[in-house]
Each structure stands twice: as structure tokens, then as C-alpha cells.
Amino acid sequence: MSEINNIKTTAQSGLNSTKVGENGSRDGDKSQSVQAVTARTDTVSLTNEATQLQSIQKTLEDTPIVNSERVEALRAAIADGSYTVDAAELAQNIIDFETQL
């Protein structure tokens, strides 16, 4: 029974003999991995669509969310009484909105 527990092939005995360095790499592989890292460079290229999307995004970021001139014009019209609401058009817009939901 004891001979079953102590079976070890010559290939298995060599598995644990390799020395591992501090960063988890084998000592022999250390210089190769450093050379591989320095020789490798990454590049990125954008498609025309991605470039256009970046341009549009930049334009949207620079555009104000609220049209200040329109807001001021409406405030002035309400303040002087010249702003009127068409009840029929408002009702139709509400109906159209509700039917889209």
C-alpha cells in the first residue's frame, strides 16, 4: 500500500525543481519577458465614423442645453401680455402625445 503513495515519474520529479522569481516568473524567462515588453508597441486607429462621432460629441458638449434667447423672448412676451395660447392646437398636441404612448 505504501508503494502506491510514493509513485513519482521522472517527468513529475522535475516539475517542482524550477525556481520561481519574486514576480512569479521563472528566473530563466525574466530576460526574455523584458525584451518582449520593450519590443512590443500598441497602436490605435479610428474609423471615419468614430472620428465623426467624436466631432459631433464635442459639438454637443459645447452647445448649451437651454436656448437662452428663446427663453428670454418668451418671458418678455408673457410679461407684456402678448403671448397667446391656441387652445385647439394645444389640445391636439396633447392628444397626439397620448396616442404615441
C-alpha atoms as a PDB file:
ATOM      1  CA  MET A   1       0.000   0.000   0.000  1.00  0.00           C
ATOM      2  CA  SER A   2       2.831   2.438   0.772  1.00  0.00           C
ATOM      3  CA  GLU A   3       4.339   1.986  -2.692  1.00  0.00           C
ATOM      4  CA  ILE A   4       1.163   3.452  -4.293  1.00  0.00           C
ATOM      5  CA  ASN A   5       1.529   6.725  -2.378  1.00  0.00           C
ATOM      6  CA  ASN A   6       5.193   7.159  -3.301  1.00  0.00           C
ATOM      7  CA  ILE A   7       4.893   6.703  -7.083  1.00  0.00           C
ATOM      8  CA  LYS A   8       6.605   9.519  -8.932  1.00  0.00           C
ATOM      9  CA  THR A   9       7.775   9.506 -12.535  1.00  0.00           C
ATOM     10  CA  THR A  10      10.948  11.255 -13.656  1.00  0.00           C
ATOM     11  CA  ALA A  11       8.905  13.906 -15.510  1.00  0.00           C
ATOM     12  CA  GLN A  12       6.931  14.715 -12.377  1.00  0.00           C
ATOM     13  CA  SER A  13      10.023  14.989 -10.201  1.00  0.00           C
ATOM     14  CA  GLY A  14      11.344  17.811 -12.406  1.00  0.00           C
ATOM     15  CA  LEU A  15       8.158  19.864 -12.118  1.00  0.00           C
ATOM     16  CA  ASN A  16       8.889  21.252  -8.674  1.00  0.00           C
ATOM     17  CA  SER A  17      12.589  21.938  -9.279  1.00  0.00           C
ATOM     18  CA  THR A  18      12.109  25.131 -11.335  1.00  0.00           C
ATOM     19  CA  LYS A  19      12.866  28.240  -9.292  1.00  0.00           C
ATOM     20  CA  VAL A  20      10.244  30.994  -9.403  1.00  0.00           C
ATOM     21  CA  GLY A  21      11.269  34.641  -9.022  1.00  0.00           C
ATOM     22  CA  GLU A  22       9.610  37.363  -6.935  1.00  0.00           C
ATOM     23  CA  ASN A  23       7.126  38.447  -9.602  1.00  0.00           C
ATOM     24  CA  GLY A  24       6.014  34.882 -10.325  1.00  0.00           C
ATOM     25  CA  SER A  25       8.171  34.337 -13.422  1.00  0.00           C
ATOM     26  CA  ARG A  26      10.911  31.791 -13.751  1.00  0.00           C
ATOM     27  CA  ASP A  27      14.449  33.169 -13.498  1.00  0.00           C
ATOM     28  CA  GLY A  28      15.338  31.977 -16.992  1.00  0.00           C
ATOM     29  CA  ASP A  29      12.263  33.678 -18.513  1.00  0.00           C
ATOM     30  CA  LYS A  30      12.945  37.053 -16.879  1.00  0.00           C
ATOM     31  CA  SER A  31      15.233  38.492 -19.549  1.00  0.00           C
ATOM     32  CA  GLN A  32      13.036  37.176 -22.360  1.00  0.00           C
ATOM     33  CA  SER A  33       9.902  38.791 -20.906  1.00  0.00           C
ATOM     34  CA  VAL A  34      11.666  42.154 -20.507  1.00  0.00           C
ATOM     35  CA  GLN A  35      12.793  42.049 -24.138  1.00  0.00           C
ATOM     36  CA  ALA A  36       9.286  41.099 -25.271  1.00  0.00           C
ATOM     37  CA  VAL A  37       7.723  44.012 -23.382  1.00  0.00           C
ATOM     38  CA  THR A  38      10.112  46.609 -24.777  1.00  0.00           C
ATOM     39  CA  ALA A  39       9.818  45.325 -28.361  1.00  0.00           C
ATOM     40  CA  ARG A  40       6.009  45.390 -28.421  1.00  0.00           C
ATOM     41  CA  THR A  41       4.130  48.608 -29.282  1.00  0.00           C
ATOM     42  CA  ASP A  42       0.395  49.156 -29.478  1.00  0.00           C
ATOM     43  CA  THR A  43      -1.363  51.347 -31.991  1.00  0.00           C
ATOM     44  CA  VAL A  44      -4.929  52.565 -32.256  1.00  0.00           C
ATOM     45  CA  SER A  45      -6.679  53.757 -35.384  1.00  0.00           C
ATOM     46  CA  LEU A  46     -10.173  55.171 -35.605  1.00  0.00           C
ATOM     47  CA  THR A  47     -12.593  54.672 -38.439  1.00  0.00           C
ATOM     48  CA  ASN A  48     -14.124  57.647 -40.229  1.00  0.00           C
ATOM     49  CA  GLU A  49     -17.385  57.032 -38.375  1.00  0.00           C
ATOM     50  CA  ALA A  50     -15.643  57.115 -34.995  1.00  0.00           C
ATOM     51  CA  THR A  51     -13.899  60.355 -35.913  1.00  0.00           C
ATOM     52  CA  GLN A  52     -17.214  61.894 -36.962  1.00  0.00           C
ATOM     53  CA  LEU A  53     -18.850  60.716 -33.729  1.00  0.00           C
ATOM     54  CA  GLN A  54     -16.080  62.350 -31.697  1.00  0.00           C
ATOM     55  CA  SER A  55     -16.572  65.590 -33.611  1.00  0.00           C
ATOM     56  CA  ILE A  56     -20.342  65.529 -33.063  1.00  0.00           C
ATOM     57  CA  GLN A  57     -19.866  64.746 -29.383  1.00  0.00           C
ATOM     58  CA  LYS A  58     -17.511  67.707 -28.979  1.00  0.00           C
ATOM     59  CA  THR A  59     -20.006  69.990 -30.750  1.00  0.00           C
ATOM     60  CA  LEU A  60     -22.833  68.799 -28.485  1.00  0.00           C
ATOM     61  CA  GLU A  61     -20.713  69.336 -25.382  1.00  0.00           C
ATOM     62  CA  ASP A  62     -20.096  72.945 -26.436  1.00  0.00           C
ATOM     63  CA  THR A  63     -23.782  73.635 -27.207  1.00  0.00           C
ATOM     64  CA  PRO A  64     -25.851  74.955 -24.302  1.00  0.00           C
ATOM     65  CA  ILE A  65     -28.791  72.797 -23.245  1.00  0.00           C
ATOM     66  CA  VAL A  66     -31.167  75.759 -22.942  1.00  0.00           C
ATOM     67  CA  ASN A  67     -31.725  78.317 -25.702  1.00  0.00           C
ATOM     68  CA  SER A  68     -31.382  81.425 -23.541  1.00  0.00           C
ATOM     69  CA  GLU A  69     -32.553  83.821 -26.272  1.00  0.00           C
ATOM     70  CA  ARG A  70     -35.789  81.863 -26.774  1.00  0.00           C
ATOM     71  CA  VAL A  71     -36.425  81.737 -23.019  1.00  0.00           C
ATOM     72  CA  GLU A  72     -35.929  85.494 -22.667  1.00  0.00           C
ATOM     73  CA  ALA A  73     -38.252  86.182 -25.618  1.00  0.00           C
ATOM     74  CA  LEU A  74     -40.986  84.033 -24.077  1.00  0.00           C
ATOM     75  CA  ARG A  75     -40.554  85.701 -20.664  1.00  0.00           C
ATOM     76  CA  ALA A  76     -40.860  89.125 -22.247  1.00  0.00           C
ATOM     77  CA  ALA A  77     -43.959  88.100 -24.238  1.00  0.00           C
ATOM     78  CA  ILE A  78     -45.622  86.694 -21.109  1.00  0.00           C
ATOM     79  CA  ALA A  79     -44.689  89.774 -19.078  1.00  0.00           C
ATOM     80  CA  ASP A  80     -46.148  92.262 -21.586  1.00  0.00           C
ATOM     81  CA  GLY A  81     -49.240  90.138 -22.312  1.00  0.00           C
ATOM     82  CA  SER A  82     -48.523  89.453 -25.968  1.00  0.00           C
ATOM     83  CA  TYR A  83     -48.069  85.686 -25.519  1.00  0.00           C
ATOM     84  CA  THR A  84     -51.208  83.784 -26.509  1.00  0.00           C
ATOM     85  CA  VAL A  85     -52.035  80.093 -26.449  1.00  0.00           C
ATOM     86  CA  ASP A  86     -54.128  78.461 -29.177  1.00  0.00           C
ATOM     87  CA  ALA A  87     -56.363  76.130 -27.154  1.00  0.00           C
ATOM     88  CA  ALA A  88     -57.283  73.907 -30.139  1.00  0.00           C
ATOM     89  CA  GLU A  89     -53.641  73.410 -31.136  1.00  0.00           C
ATOM     90  CA  LEU A  90     -52.652  72.674 -27.527  1.00  0.00           C
ATOM     91  CA  ALA A  91     -55.453  70.113 -27.186  1.00  0.00           C
ATOM     92  CA  GLN A  92     -54.434  68.405 -30.432  1.00  0.00           C
ATOM     93  CA  ASN A  93     -50.789  68.245 -29.308  1.00  0.00           C
ATOM     94  CA  ILE A  94     -51.843  66.625 -26.021  1.00  0.00           C
ATOM     95  CA  ILE A  95     -53.981  64.056 -27.885  1.00  0.00           C
ATOM     96  CA  ASP A  96     -51.122  63.286 -30.284  1.00  0.00           C
ATOM     97  CA  PHE A  97     -48.715  62.852 -27.391  1.00  0.00           C
ATOM     98  CA  GLU A  98     -51.071  60.498 -25.528  1.00  0.00           C
ATOM     99  CA  THR A  99     -51.669  58.324 -28.588  1.00  0.00           C
ATOM    100  CA  GLN A 100     -47.902  57.891 -29.066  1.00  0.00           C
ATOM    101  CA  LEU A 101     -47.586  56.421 -25.578  1.00  0.00           C
END
